[in-house]
């Protein structure tokens, strides 16, 4: 038995959408696995990847994900220090559409920063700041409340963006010299992170939630 031309070993995981399996040189054609749709509460200091050359923990090392019987992939990414809602699925078409800026699917974050934005900085963010990789599109911003950071004072904001550029939310605030102390994604489209879902745990989406995601991606 071989996977993509290489001899398979016990425990090898397959991606039915991309991997080619052969036995004695003959392709194995099987039924497609059922589509699965999960929401994961990604913990802090965990990578959204399968492997890490520095052997840092990834989402696939989380106990609940590690024991899953289906091979799933993340919809977009959350960086190492970003927590919160991460979608996992084996529906490649839906994943591609949800991460494509063309479909304008919102992502909402709770952001704790050092200091507080000035009125001019708030206005600039809402208008769309220009970063090194181009101007940011539509951005919604709301001040929530202040926070004591020990020797200094910080501020919580609710931010909604409509694109998934690398470290986008962090870079927006860093553009104005505010350090992001904590970053939590609380919503993707109309899907919200449940308060009772603990870091490292996932839950299967309901039929209604899946329908709403597909509607946002214009698949229904």
N, C-alpha and C. Protein backbone atom coordinates (compact mmCIF):
# COMPACT_ATOMS: atom_id res chain seq x y z
N UNK A 1 0.84 -1.19 0.00
CA UNK A 1 0.00 0.00 0.00
C UNK A 1 0.88 1.25 0.00
N UNK A 2 0.52 2.21 -0.83
CA UNK A 2 1.31 3.45 -0.93
C UNK A 2 0.39 4.66 -0.89
N UNK A 3 0.90 5.73 -0.33
CA UNK A 3 0.19 7.01 -0.29
C UNK A 3 1.03 8.04 -1.03
N UNK A 4 0.48 8.57 -2.11
CA UNK A 4 1.21 9.54 -2.95
C UNK A 4 2.55 8.98 -3.42
N UNK A 5 2.56 7.68 -3.73
CA UNK A 5 3.76 7.05 -4.27
C UNK A 5 4.75 6.57 -3.25
N UNK A 6 4.48 6.78 -1.94
CA UNK A 6 5.40 6.35 -0.89
C UNK A 6 4.73 5.27 -0.04
N UNK A 7 5.53 4.33 0.42
CA UNK A 7 5.00 3.24 1.23
C UNK A 7 4.31 3.77 2.48
N UNK A 8 3.09 3.29 2.73
CA UNK A 8 2.33 3.74 3.89
C UNK A 8 2.81 3.02 5.14
N UNK A 9 2.76 3.72 6.27
CA UNK A 9 3.11 3.12 7.55
C UNK A 9 1.90 3.16 8.46
N UNK A 10 1.90 2.33 9.48
CA UNK A 10 0.77 2.25 10.40
C UNK A 10 0.53 3.61 11.05
N UNK A 11 -0.72 4.06 11.02
CA UNK A 11 -1.07 5.34 11.64
C UNK A 11 -1.08 6.50 10.68
N UNK A 12 -0.74 6.27 9.41
CA UNK A 12 -0.74 7.35 8.43
C UNK A 12 -2.15 7.91 8.26
N UNK A 13 -2.28 9.25 8.33
CA UNK A 13 -3.57 9.89 8.14
C UNK A 13 -3.70 10.36 6.70
N UNK A 14 -4.89 10.28 6.19
CA UNK A 14 -5.14 10.62 4.79
C UNK A 14 -6.05 11.81 4.67
N UNK A 15 -5.80 12.60 3.64
CA UNK A 15 -6.72 13.66 3.24
C UNK A 15 -7.39 13.17 1.97
N UNK A 16 -8.67 12.80 2.04
CA UNK A 16 -9.34 12.21 0.87
C UNK A 16 -9.44 13.14 -0.32
N UNK A 17 -9.30 14.45 -0.08
CA UNK A 17 -9.41 15.41 -1.17
C UNK A 17 -8.13 15.53 -1.99
N UNK A 18 -6.99 15.15 -1.38
CA UNK A 18 -5.71 15.39 -2.07
C UNK A 18 -4.82 14.16 -2.17
N UNK A 19 -4.91 13.23 -1.21
CA UNK A 19 -4.00 12.09 -1.20
C UNK A 19 -4.47 10.98 -2.15
N UNK A 20 -3.50 10.32 -2.80
CA UNK A 20 -3.78 9.22 -3.71
C UNK A 20 -3.25 7.92 -3.11
N UNK A 21 -4.15 6.97 -2.94
CA UNK A 21 -3.80 5.70 -2.30
C UNK A 21 -3.81 4.59 -3.35
N UNK A 22 -2.77 3.77 -3.33
CA UNK A 22 -2.71 2.63 -4.25
C UNK A 22 -2.34 1.36 -3.49
N UNK A 23 -2.83 0.22 -3.99
CA UNK A 23 -2.45 -1.08 -3.47
C UNK A 23 -1.92 -1.90 -4.64
N UNK A 24 -0.66 -2.31 -4.54
CA UNK A 24 0.00 -3.01 -5.64
C UNK A 24 -0.09 -2.21 -6.94
N UNK A 25 0.02 -0.89 -6.80
CA UNK A 25 0.01 -0.01 -7.96
C UNK A 25 -1.37 0.36 -8.48
N UNK A 26 -2.41 -0.23 -7.92
CA UNK A 26 -3.77 0.06 -8.38
C UNK A 26 -4.42 1.08 -7.46
N UNK A 27 -5.03 2.14 -8.02
CA UNK A 27 -5.66 3.17 -7.19
C UNK A 27 -6.84 2.62 -6.41
N UNK A 28 -6.96 3.09 -5.18
CA UNK A 28 -8.08 2.72 -4.32
C UNK A 28 -9.13 3.80 -4.42
N UNK A 29 -10.30 3.43 -4.82
CA UNK A 29 -11.41 4.38 -4.95
C UNK A 29 -12.45 4.03 -3.90
N UNK A 30 -12.69 4.93 -3.01
CA UNK A 30 -13.66 4.68 -1.95
C UNK A 30 -14.67 5.80 -1.85
N UNK A 31 -15.60 5.59 -0.98
CA UNK A 31 -16.61 6.62 -0.75
C UNK A 31 -15.99 7.80 -0.01
N UNK A 32 -16.45 8.98 -0.34
CA UNK A 32 -15.98 10.16 0.37
C UNK A 32 -16.46 10.12 1.81
N UNK A 33 -15.62 10.55 2.75
CA UNK A 33 -16.05 10.55 4.15
C UNK A 33 -17.13 11.60 4.37
N UNK A 34 -17.92 11.46 5.40
CA UNK A 34 -18.95 12.46 5.68
C UNK A 34 -18.31 13.81 5.99
N UNK A 35 -18.99 14.87 5.61
CA UNK A 35 -18.49 16.20 5.91
C UNK A 35 -18.68 16.50 7.39
N UNK A 36 -17.66 17.07 7.99
CA UNK A 36 -17.74 17.44 9.41
C UNK A 36 -17.43 18.92 9.55
N UNK A 37 -18.08 19.54 10.53
CA UNK A 37 -17.95 20.97 10.76
C UNK A 37 -17.88 21.19 12.27
N UNK A 38 -16.75 21.68 12.73
CA UNK A 38 -16.53 21.87 14.16
C UNK A 38 -16.12 23.31 14.45
N UNK A 39 -16.42 23.74 15.66
CA UNK A 39 -15.83 24.98 16.18
C UNK A 39 -14.92 24.59 17.34
N UNK A 40 -13.70 25.09 17.29
CA UNK A 40 -12.70 24.83 18.32
C UNK A 40 -12.41 26.11 19.07
N UNK A 41 -12.30 26.01 20.39
CA UNK A 41 -11.83 27.14 21.18
C UNK A 41 -10.31 26.99 21.27
N UNK A 42 -9.61 27.70 20.38
CA UNK A 42 -8.15 27.60 20.33
C UNK A 42 -7.54 28.28 21.56
N UNK A 43 -6.70 27.57 22.29
CA UNK A 43 -6.03 28.19 23.45
C UNK A 43 -4.90 29.12 23.02
N UNK A 44 -4.44 29.91 23.96
CA UNK A 44 -3.25 30.75 23.75
C UNK A 44 -2.03 29.84 23.61
N UNK A 45 -1.01 30.33 22.89
CA UNK A 45 0.27 29.65 22.71
C UNK A 45 0.11 28.25 22.08
N UNK A 46 -0.74 28.20 21.06
CA UNK A 46 -0.94 26.98 20.28
C UNK A 46 -0.95 27.40 18.81
N UNK A 47 -0.24 26.66 17.97
CA UNK A 47 -0.15 26.99 16.55
C UNK A 47 -1.30 26.39 15.75
N UNK A 48 -1.74 27.13 14.73
CA UNK A 48 -2.75 26.61 13.81
C UNK A 48 -2.02 25.97 12.63
N UNK A 49 -1.42 24.83 12.88
CA UNK A 49 -0.69 24.11 11.84
C UNK A 49 -0.57 22.65 12.26
N UNK A 50 -0.11 21.81 11.33
CA UNK A 50 0.03 20.39 11.65
C UNK A 50 1.36 20.09 12.34
N UNK A 51 2.41 20.79 11.92
CA UNK A 51 3.74 20.54 12.47
C UNK A 51 4.43 21.87 12.75
N UNK A 52 5.40 21.82 13.65
CA UNK A 52 6.21 23.01 13.93
C UNK A 52 7.66 22.57 14.11
N UNK A 53 8.54 23.22 13.38
CA UNK A 53 9.96 22.84 13.42
C UNK A 53 10.57 23.08 14.79
N UNK A 54 9.96 23.96 15.60
CA UNK A 54 10.47 24.22 16.94
C UNK A 54 9.74 23.40 18.01
N UNK A 55 8.89 22.49 17.55
CA UNK A 55 8.17 21.55 18.41
C UNK A 55 7.25 22.24 19.41
N UNK A 56 6.70 23.39 18.98
CA UNK A 56 5.68 24.02 19.80
C UNK A 56 4.35 23.28 19.61
N UNK A 57 3.47 23.42 20.57
CA UNK A 57 2.19 22.72 20.51
C UNK A 57 1.34 23.27 19.37
N UNK A 58 0.66 22.38 18.65
CA UNK A 58 -0.26 22.78 17.60
C UNK A 58 -1.67 22.34 17.97
N UNK A 59 -2.65 22.79 17.19
CA UNK A 59 -4.02 22.40 17.48
C UNK A 59 -4.21 20.89 17.37
N UNK A 60 -3.36 20.22 16.58
CA UNK A 60 -3.47 18.77 16.42
C UNK A 60 -2.87 18.00 17.59
N UNK A 61 -2.23 18.72 18.52
CA UNK A 61 -1.74 18.10 19.75
C UNK A 61 -2.77 18.20 20.87
N UNK A 62 -3.82 18.99 20.67
CA UNK A 62 -4.85 19.11 21.69
C UNK A 62 -5.56 17.77 21.84
N UNK A 63 -5.79 17.31 23.07
CA UNK A 63 -6.34 15.96 23.29
C UNK A 63 -7.62 15.67 22.49
N UNK A 64 -8.56 16.60 22.46
CA UNK A 64 -9.82 16.33 21.76
C UNK A 64 -9.63 16.23 20.26
N UNK A 65 -8.74 17.07 19.70
CA UNK A 65 -8.49 17.03 18.26
C UNK A 65 -7.65 15.81 17.91
N UNK A 66 -6.71 15.47 18.77
CA UNK A 66 -5.80 14.36 18.51
C UNK A 66 -6.54 13.03 18.39
N UNK A 67 -7.61 12.88 19.13
CA UNK A 67 -8.33 11.61 19.11
C UNK A 67 -9.48 11.60 18.09
N UNK A 68 -9.63 12.68 17.35
CA UNK A 68 -10.70 12.74 16.35
C UNK A 68 -10.47 11.69 15.26
N UNK A 69 -11.55 11.10 14.79
CA UNK A 69 -11.45 10.05 13.78
C UNK A 69 -11.44 10.59 12.37
N UNK A 70 -11.74 11.89 12.19
CA UNK A 70 -11.73 12.51 10.87
C UNK A 70 -10.56 13.48 10.75
N UNK A 71 -10.02 13.56 9.55
CA UNK A 71 -8.95 14.53 9.28
C UNK A 71 -9.59 15.85 8.89
N UNK A 72 -9.39 16.86 9.70
CA UNK A 72 -10.00 18.17 9.44
C UNK A 72 -8.90 19.22 9.32
N UNK A 73 -9.23 20.30 8.66
CA UNK A 73 -8.29 21.41 8.48
C UNK A 73 -8.92 22.69 8.99
N UNK A 74 -8.10 23.64 9.45
CA UNK A 74 -8.64 24.90 9.94
C UNK A 74 -9.11 25.80 8.80
N UNK A 75 -10.12 26.58 9.07
CA UNK A 75 -10.59 27.59 8.12
C UNK A 75 -9.82 28.87 8.43
N UNK A 76 -8.78 29.16 7.66
CA UNK A 76 -7.91 30.28 7.98
C UNK A 76 -7.03 29.94 9.17
N UNK A 77 -6.48 30.97 9.79
CA UNK A 77 -5.56 30.75 10.90
C UNK A 77 -5.78 31.75 12.02
N UNK A 78 -5.42 31.33 13.21
CA UNK A 78 -5.24 32.24 14.34
C UNK A 78 -3.78 32.11 14.75
N UNK A 79 -3.09 33.22 14.97
CA UNK A 79 -1.67 33.11 15.26
C UNK A 79 -1.42 32.53 16.66
N UNK A 80 -0.16 32.30 16.96
CA UNK A 80 0.26 31.58 18.16
C UNK A 80 -0.35 32.17 19.43
N UNK A 81 -0.39 33.50 19.53
CA UNK A 81 -0.86 34.16 20.74
C UNK A 81 -2.32 34.62 20.65
N UNK A 82 -3.04 34.20 19.62
CA UNK A 82 -4.45 34.56 19.50
C UNK A 82 -5.33 33.38 19.91
N UNK A 83 -6.33 33.67 20.72
CA UNK A 83 -7.23 32.65 21.22
C UNK A 83 -8.58 32.73 20.50
N UNK A 84 -9.43 31.76 20.81
CA UNK A 84 -10.81 31.89 20.40
C UNK A 84 -11.30 30.97 19.31
N UNK A 85 -12.34 31.42 18.62
CA UNK A 85 -13.09 30.57 17.70
C UNK A 85 -12.30 30.27 16.43
N UNK A 86 -12.10 28.98 16.19
CA UNK A 86 -11.45 28.50 14.98
C UNK A 86 -12.31 27.39 14.39
N UNK A 87 -12.68 27.54 13.13
CA UNK A 87 -13.48 26.52 12.47
C UNK A 87 -12.58 25.42 11.93
N UNK A 88 -13.05 24.17 12.06
CA UNK A 88 -12.34 23.01 11.51
C UNK A 88 -13.32 22.23 10.64
N UNK A 89 -12.88 21.83 9.46
CA UNK A 89 -13.77 21.10 8.56
C UNK A 89 -12.96 20.31 7.53
N UNK A 90 -13.64 19.37 6.87
CA UNK A 90 -13.04 18.70 5.71
C UNK A 90 -13.78 19.10 4.44
N UNK A 91 -14.56 20.17 4.53
CA UNK A 91 -15.28 20.73 3.38
C UNK A 91 -14.41 21.81 2.75
N UNK A 92 -13.58 21.42 1.80
CA UNK A 92 -12.61 22.34 1.22
C UNK A 92 -13.23 23.52 0.52
N UNK A 93 -14.33 23.31 -0.18
CA UNK A 93 -14.97 24.41 -0.91
C UNK A 93 -15.49 25.47 0.05
N UNK A 94 -16.13 25.05 1.12
CA UNK A 94 -16.64 26.01 2.10
C UNK A 94 -15.48 26.77 2.75
N UNK A 95 -14.42 26.05 3.13
CA UNK A 95 -13.27 26.69 3.77
C UNK A 95 -12.66 27.75 2.87
N UNK A 96 -12.51 27.44 1.59
CA UNK A 96 -11.91 28.39 0.65
C UNK A 96 -12.77 29.64 0.51
N UNK A 97 -14.06 29.46 0.46
CA UNK A 97 -14.94 30.62 0.30
C UNK A 97 -14.98 31.49 1.55
N UNK A 98 -14.99 30.85 2.71
CA UNK A 98 -15.05 31.61 3.96
C UNK A 98 -13.81 32.47 4.17
N UNK A 99 -12.68 32.04 3.61
CA UNK A 99 -11.44 32.80 3.78
C UNK A 99 -11.16 33.74 2.61
N UNK A 100 -12.01 33.72 1.60
CA UNK A 100 -11.82 34.59 0.43
C UNK A 100 -12.45 35.96 0.71
N UNK A 101 -11.66 37.05 0.64
CA UNK A 101 -12.20 38.39 0.91
C UNK A 101 -13.39 38.74 0.04
N UNK A 102 -13.52 38.08 -1.10
CA UNK A 102 -14.62 38.35 -2.03
C UNK A 102 -15.97 38.17 -1.36
N UNK A 103 -16.05 37.25 -0.38
CA UNK A 103 -17.33 36.93 0.23
C UNK A 103 -17.60 37.73 1.51
N UNK A 104 -16.64 38.55 1.92
CA UNK A 104 -16.89 39.57 2.93
C UNK A 104 -17.44 38.98 4.24
N UNK A 105 -16.89 37.86 4.69
CA UNK A 105 -17.38 37.23 5.91
C UNK A 105 -16.70 37.89 7.12
N UNK A 106 -17.46 38.43 8.06
CA UNK A 106 -16.87 39.16 9.19
C UNK A 106 -16.23 38.26 10.23
N UNK A 107 -15.14 38.77 10.85
CA UNK A 107 -14.52 38.12 12.00
C UNK A 107 -14.48 39.16 13.11
N UNK A 108 -14.98 38.80 14.28
CA UNK A 108 -15.05 39.74 15.40
C UNK A 108 -14.13 39.31 16.53
N UNK A 109 -13.40 40.29 17.07
CA UNK A 109 -12.40 40.04 18.11
C UNK A 109 -12.62 40.94 19.32
N UNK A 110 -12.24 40.44 20.49
CA UNK A 110 -12.07 41.26 21.68
C UNK A 110 -10.57 41.49 21.83
N UNK A 111 -10.18 42.75 21.93
CA UNK A 111 -8.76 43.10 21.91
C UNK A 111 -8.41 43.94 23.13
N UNK A 112 -7.41 43.51 23.88
CA UNK A 112 -6.90 44.29 25.00
C UNK A 112 -5.56 44.89 24.59
N UNK A 113 -5.45 46.23 24.66
CA UNK A 113 -4.22 46.91 24.25
C UNK A 113 -3.68 47.75 25.39
N UNK A 114 -2.42 48.13 25.27
CA UNK A 114 -1.85 49.09 26.21
C UNK A 114 -2.37 50.48 25.84
N UNK A 115 -2.63 51.29 26.84
CA UNK A 115 -3.10 52.65 26.59
C UNK A 115 -4.52 52.67 26.05
N UNK A 116 -4.83 53.76 25.36
CA UNK A 116 -6.17 53.93 24.78
C UNK A 116 -6.04 54.71 23.48
N UNK A 117 -6.82 54.31 22.49
CA UNK A 117 -6.80 55.03 21.21
C UNK A 117 -7.31 56.45 21.37
N UNK A 118 -6.72 57.37 20.63
CA UNK A 118 -7.24 58.73 20.58
C UNK A 118 -8.43 58.75 19.62
N UNK A 119 -9.26 59.79 19.69
CA UNK A 119 -10.37 59.89 18.73
C UNK A 119 -9.89 59.86 17.28
N UNK A 120 -8.75 60.47 17.00
CA UNK A 120 -8.22 60.46 15.62
C UNK A 120 -7.78 59.06 15.21
N UNK A 121 -7.21 58.30 16.15
CA UNK A 121 -6.80 56.93 15.84
C UNK A 121 -8.01 56.04 15.59
N UNK A 122 -9.04 56.21 16.40
CA UNK A 122 -10.27 55.45 16.18
C UNK A 122 -10.85 55.75 14.80
N UNK A 123 -10.88 57.01 14.46
CA UNK A 123 -11.42 57.42 13.16
C UNK A 123 -10.60 56.82 12.01
N UNK A 124 -9.27 56.82 12.18
CA UNK A 124 -8.40 56.28 11.14
C UNK A 124 -8.61 54.78 10.94
N UNK A 125 -8.80 54.06 12.04
CA UNK A 125 -9.02 52.61 11.95
C UNK A 125 -10.34 52.32 11.25
N UNK A 126 -11.37 53.05 11.61
CA UNK A 126 -12.68 52.84 10.99
C UNK A 126 -12.66 53.20 9.50
N UNK A 127 -11.82 54.16 9.14
CA UNK A 127 -11.73 54.57 7.74
C UNK A 127 -10.89 53.60 6.91
N UNK A 128 -10.02 52.83 7.61
CA UNK A 128 -9.16 51.88 6.91
C UNK A 128 -7.73 52.35 6.86
N UNK A 129 -6.90 51.85 7.78
CA UNK A 129 -5.50 52.26 7.82
C UNK A 129 -4.73 51.56 6.70
N UNK A 130 -3.62 52.16 6.30
CA UNK A 130 -2.77 51.56 5.28
C UNK A 130 -1.56 50.92 5.94
N UNK A 131 -1.45 49.60 5.79
CA UNK A 131 -0.33 48.84 6.35
C UNK A 131 0.68 48.54 5.26
N UNK A 132 1.73 47.82 5.60
CA UNK A 132 2.80 47.57 4.62
C UNK A 132 2.32 46.72 3.45
N UNK A 133 1.24 45.97 3.66
CA UNK A 133 0.73 45.13 2.56
C UNK A 133 -0.58 45.68 1.98
N UNK A 134 -0.82 46.97 2.20
CA UNK A 134 -1.98 47.59 1.58
C UNK A 134 -3.00 48.12 2.58
N UNK A 135 -3.99 48.81 2.04
CA UNK A 135 -5.01 49.42 2.88
C UNK A 135 -5.98 48.36 3.40
N UNK A 136 -6.36 48.51 4.68
CA UNK A 136 -7.33 47.61 5.29
C UNK A 136 -8.73 48.04 4.88
N UNK A 137 -9.56 47.08 4.57
CA UNK A 137 -10.92 47.38 4.16
C UNK A 137 -11.80 47.76 5.34
N UNK A 138 -13.08 47.54 5.19
CA UNK A 138 -14.04 47.91 6.21
C UNK A 138 -13.66 47.36 7.58
N UNK A 139 -13.64 48.23 8.58
CA UNK A 139 -13.31 47.84 9.95
C UNK A 139 -14.28 48.49 10.91
N UNK A 140 -14.88 47.70 11.78
CA UNK A 140 -15.78 48.22 12.81
C UNK A 140 -15.05 48.18 14.14
N UNK A 141 -15.19 49.24 14.92
CA UNK A 141 -14.43 49.39 16.16
C UNK A 141 -15.32 50.00 17.23
N UNK A 142 -15.25 49.40 18.44
CA UNK A 142 -16.01 49.95 19.56
C UNK A 142 -15.20 49.79 20.84
N UNK A 143 -15.08 50.90 21.59
CA UNK A 143 -14.41 50.84 22.90
C UNK A 143 -15.33 50.14 23.89
N UNK A 144 -14.79 49.18 24.64
CA UNK A 144 -15.61 48.45 25.62
C UNK A 144 -15.42 49.00 27.03
N UNK A 145 -14.19 48.89 27.55
CA UNK A 145 -13.92 49.42 28.89
C UNK A 145 -12.42 49.39 29.14
N UNK A 146 -12.01 50.07 30.20
CA UNK A 146 -10.60 50.12 30.57
C UNK A 146 -10.20 48.89 31.38
N UNK A 147 -8.89 48.73 31.54
CA UNK A 147 -8.37 47.57 32.28
C UNK A 147 -7.06 47.95 32.95
N UNK A 148 -6.93 47.60 34.23
CA UNK A 148 -5.70 47.86 34.96
C UNK A 148 -4.66 46.82 34.54
N UNK A 149 -3.50 47.28 34.05
CA UNK A 149 -2.43 46.38 33.64
C UNK A 149 -1.27 46.40 34.62
N UNK A 150 -1.55 46.77 35.86
CA UNK A 150 -0.49 46.84 36.86
C UNK A 150 0.08 48.23 36.95
N UNK A 151 1.23 48.43 36.30
CA UNK A 151 1.88 49.74 36.33
C UNK A 151 1.28 50.68 35.29
N UNK A 152 0.39 50.19 34.46
CA UNK A 152 -0.19 51.02 33.40
C UNK A 152 -1.68 50.70 33.24
N UNK A 153 -2.29 51.39 32.31
CA UNK A 153 -3.71 51.22 32.06
C UNK A 153 -3.92 50.74 30.62
N UNK A 154 -4.81 49.79 30.44
CA UNK A 154 -5.10 49.28 29.11
C UNK A 154 -6.55 49.48 28.75
N UNK A 155 -6.92 49.05 27.55
CA UNK A 155 -8.29 49.22 27.07
C UNK A 155 -8.73 48.00 26.26
N UNK A 156 -9.98 47.62 26.46
CA UNK A 156 -10.60 46.56 25.67
C UNK A 156 -11.41 47.18 24.53
N UNK A 157 -11.27 46.59 23.34
CA UNK A 157 -12.04 47.03 22.17
C UNK A 157 -12.69 45.81 21.52
N UNK A 158 -13.81 46.07 20.86
CA UNK A 158 -14.45 45.06 20.02
C UNK A 158 -14.19 45.48 18.58
N UNK A 159 -13.56 44.59 17.81
CA UNK A 159 -13.15 44.91 16.44
C UNK A 159 -13.70 43.86 15.49
N UNK A 160 -14.25 44.31 14.37
CA UNK A 160 -14.72 43.40 13.32
C UNK A 160 -14.02 43.74 12.01
N UNK A 161 -13.40 42.74 11.41
CA UNK A 161 -12.75 42.90 10.11
C UNK A 161 -13.36 41.91 9.13
N UNK A 162 -13.12 42.14 7.85
CA UNK A 162 -13.77 41.34 6.81
C UNK A 162 -12.75 40.66 5.89
N UNK A 163 -11.54 40.51 6.39
CA UNK A 163 -10.50 39.82 5.63
C UNK A 163 -9.58 39.11 6.60
N UNK A 164 -8.80 38.16 6.10
CA UNK A 164 -8.01 37.32 6.98
C UNK A 164 -6.52 37.45 6.80
N UNK A 165 -6.03 38.65 6.58
CA UNK A 165 -4.59 38.84 6.42
C UNK A 165 -3.83 38.44 7.68
N UNK A 166 -2.57 38.02 7.50
CA UNK A 166 -1.75 37.57 8.61
C UNK A 166 -1.58 38.65 9.68
N UNK A 167 -1.94 38.31 10.92
CA UNK A 167 -1.79 39.19 12.09
C UNK A 167 -2.46 40.55 11.87
N UNK A 168 -3.55 40.57 11.15
CA UNK A 168 -4.15 41.84 10.74
C UNK A 168 -4.55 42.71 11.93
N UNK A 169 -5.31 42.15 12.87
CA UNK A 169 -5.80 42.96 14.00
C UNK A 169 -4.64 43.47 14.83
N UNK A 170 -3.66 42.63 15.09
CA UNK A 170 -2.49 43.07 15.85
C UNK A 170 -1.79 44.23 15.14
N UNK A 171 -1.62 44.10 13.84
CA UNK A 171 -0.89 45.12 13.09
C UNK A 171 -1.65 46.44 13.02
N UNK A 172 -2.96 46.38 13.06
CA UNK A 172 -3.74 47.62 13.06
C UNK A 172 -3.41 48.45 14.30
N UNK A 173 -3.39 47.80 15.46
CA UNK A 173 -3.09 48.54 16.70
C UNK A 173 -1.61 48.88 16.82
N UNK A 174 -0.75 47.98 16.37
CA UNK A 174 0.69 48.26 16.41
C UNK A 174 1.04 49.44 15.51
N UNK A 175 0.24 49.67 14.48
CA UNK A 175 0.45 50.81 13.59
C UNK A 175 0.41 52.13 14.37
N UNK A 176 -0.33 52.13 15.48
CA UNK A 176 -0.44 53.34 16.32
C UNK A 176 0.34 53.17 17.62
N UNK A 177 1.30 52.24 17.63
CA UNK A 177 2.20 52.01 18.77
C UNK A 177 1.48 51.52 20.02
N UNK A 178 0.40 50.79 19.83
CA UNK A 178 -0.28 50.15 20.96
C UNK A 178 0.00 48.66 20.91
N UNK A 179 0.52 48.11 21.99
CA UNK A 179 0.79 46.68 22.05
C UNK A 179 -0.48 45.91 22.36
N UNK A 180 -0.71 44.81 21.64
CA UNK A 180 -1.86 43.95 21.92
C UNK A 180 -1.47 42.99 23.04
N UNK A 181 -2.16 43.09 24.16
CA UNK A 181 -1.88 42.26 25.33
C UNK A 181 -2.63 40.93 25.24
N UNK A 182 -3.85 41.00 24.75
CA UNK A 182 -4.65 39.78 24.59
C UNK A 182 -5.56 39.94 23.38
N UNK A 183 -5.74 38.84 22.63
CA UNK A 183 -6.57 38.88 21.43
C UNK A 183 -7.40 37.61 21.37
N UNK A 184 -8.72 37.78 21.32
CA UNK A 184 -9.64 36.66 21.36
C UNK A 184 -10.67 36.81 20.25
N UNK A 185 -10.74 35.82 19.34
CA UNK A 185 -11.79 35.88 18.32
C UNK A 185 -13.06 35.28 18.90
N UNK A 186 -14.12 36.07 18.85
CA UNK A 186 -15.38 35.66 19.48
C UNK A 186 -16.46 35.32 18.46
N UNK A 187 -16.25 35.65 17.19
CA UNK A 187 -17.27 35.34 16.18
C UNK A 187 -16.66 35.22 14.80
N UNK A 188 -17.23 34.34 14.00
CA UNK A 188 -16.87 34.17 12.59
C UNK A 188 -18.19 34.13 11.85
N UNK A 189 -18.47 35.15 11.05
CA UNK A 189 -19.80 35.27 10.45
C UNK A 189 -20.83 35.44 11.55
N UNK A 190 -21.90 34.67 11.51
CA UNK A 190 -22.93 34.71 12.55
C UNK A 190 -22.68 33.67 13.64
N UNK A 191 -21.55 32.98 13.56
CA UNK A 191 -21.23 31.94 14.53
C UNK A 191 -20.44 32.55 15.68
N UNK A 192 -20.94 32.38 16.92
CA UNK A 192 -20.31 32.98 18.10
C UNK A 192 -19.71 31.90 19.00
N UNK A 193 -18.61 32.24 19.64
CA UNK A 193 -17.94 31.33 20.56
C UNK A 193 -18.77 31.20 21.84
N UNK A 194 -19.24 30.00 22.16
CA UNK A 194 -20.03 29.82 23.39
C UNK A 194 -19.18 30.04 24.64
N UNK A 195 -19.75 30.70 25.63
CA UNK A 195 -19.00 30.96 26.86
C UNK A 195 -18.61 29.66 27.56
N UNK A 196 -19.44 28.63 27.41
CA UNK A 196 -19.17 27.38 28.12
C UNK A 196 -18.16 26.48 27.41
N UNK A 197 -17.75 26.83 26.18
CA UNK A 197 -16.77 26.02 25.45
C UNK A 197 -15.37 26.40 25.94
N UNK A 198 -14.71 25.49 26.62
CA UNK A 198 -13.43 25.78 27.24
C UNK A 198 -12.28 25.70 26.23
N UNK A 199 -11.18 26.41 26.48
CA UNK A 199 -10.02 26.33 25.58
C UNK A 199 -9.57 24.88 25.39
N UNK A 200 -9.34 24.51 24.11
CA UNK A 200 -8.93 23.16 23.80
C UNK A 200 -10.07 22.23 23.45
N UNK A 201 -11.31 22.68 23.67
CA UNK A 201 -12.46 21.84 23.36
C UNK A 201 -13.09 22.25 22.03
N UNK A 202 -13.75 21.30 21.38
CA UNK A 202 -14.48 21.62 20.16
C UNK A 202 -15.89 21.07 20.27
N UNK A 203 -16.75 21.57 19.40
CA UNK A 203 -18.12 21.11 19.36
C UNK A 203 -18.58 21.07 17.92
N UNK A 204 -19.41 20.12 17.60
CA UNK A 204 -19.94 19.99 16.25
C UNK A 204 -20.98 21.08 16.01
N UNK A 205 -20.95 21.68 14.81
CA UNK A 205 -21.94 22.70 14.49
C UNK A 205 -23.29 22.07 14.23
N UNK A 206 -24.33 22.82 14.52
CA UNK A 206 -25.68 22.36 14.24
C UNK A 206 -25.98 22.54 12.74
N UNK A 207 -27.04 21.90 12.28
CA UNK A 207 -27.44 22.03 10.87
C UNK A 207 -27.73 23.48 10.54
N UNK A 208 -28.33 24.20 11.48
CA UNK A 208 -28.65 25.61 11.24
C UNK A 208 -27.37 26.45 11.13
N UNK A 209 -26.39 26.17 11.97
CA UNK A 209 -25.13 26.91 11.92
C UNK A 209 -24.38 26.63 10.62
N UNK A 210 -24.38 25.39 10.19
CA UNK A 210 -23.74 25.04 8.92
C UNK A 210 -24.43 25.76 7.76
N UNK A 211 -25.76 25.79 7.81
CA UNK A 211 -26.53 26.47 6.76
C UNK A 211 -26.17 27.95 6.70
N UNK A 212 -26.03 28.60 7.87
CA UNK A 212 -25.71 30.01 7.90
C UNK A 212 -24.31 30.28 7.36
N UNK A 213 -23.36 29.39 7.65
CA UNK A 213 -22.01 29.55 7.10
C UNK A 213 -22.02 29.41 5.58
N UNK A 214 -22.75 28.41 5.10
CA UNK A 214 -22.83 28.22 3.65
C UNK A 214 -23.56 29.39 2.97
N UNK A 215 -24.53 29.94 3.66
CA UNK A 215 -25.22 31.11 3.15
C UNK A 215 -24.27 32.29 3.04
N UNK A 216 -23.43 32.49 4.05
CA UNK A 216 -22.45 33.58 4.03
C UNK A 216 -21.45 33.38 2.89
N UNK A 217 -21.15 32.11 2.57
CA UNK A 217 -20.20 31.80 1.49
C UNK A 217 -20.89 31.65 0.15
N UNK A 218 -22.19 31.93 0.12
CA UNK A 218 -23.00 31.87 -1.10
C UNK A 218 -23.00 30.48 -1.73
N UNK A 219 -23.13 29.48 -0.86
CA UNK A 219 -23.21 28.10 -1.33
C UNK A 219 -24.64 27.56 -1.23
N UNK A 220 -25.59 28.40 -0.81
CA UNK A 220 -26.99 27.99 -0.76
C UNK A 220 -27.85 29.03 -1.47
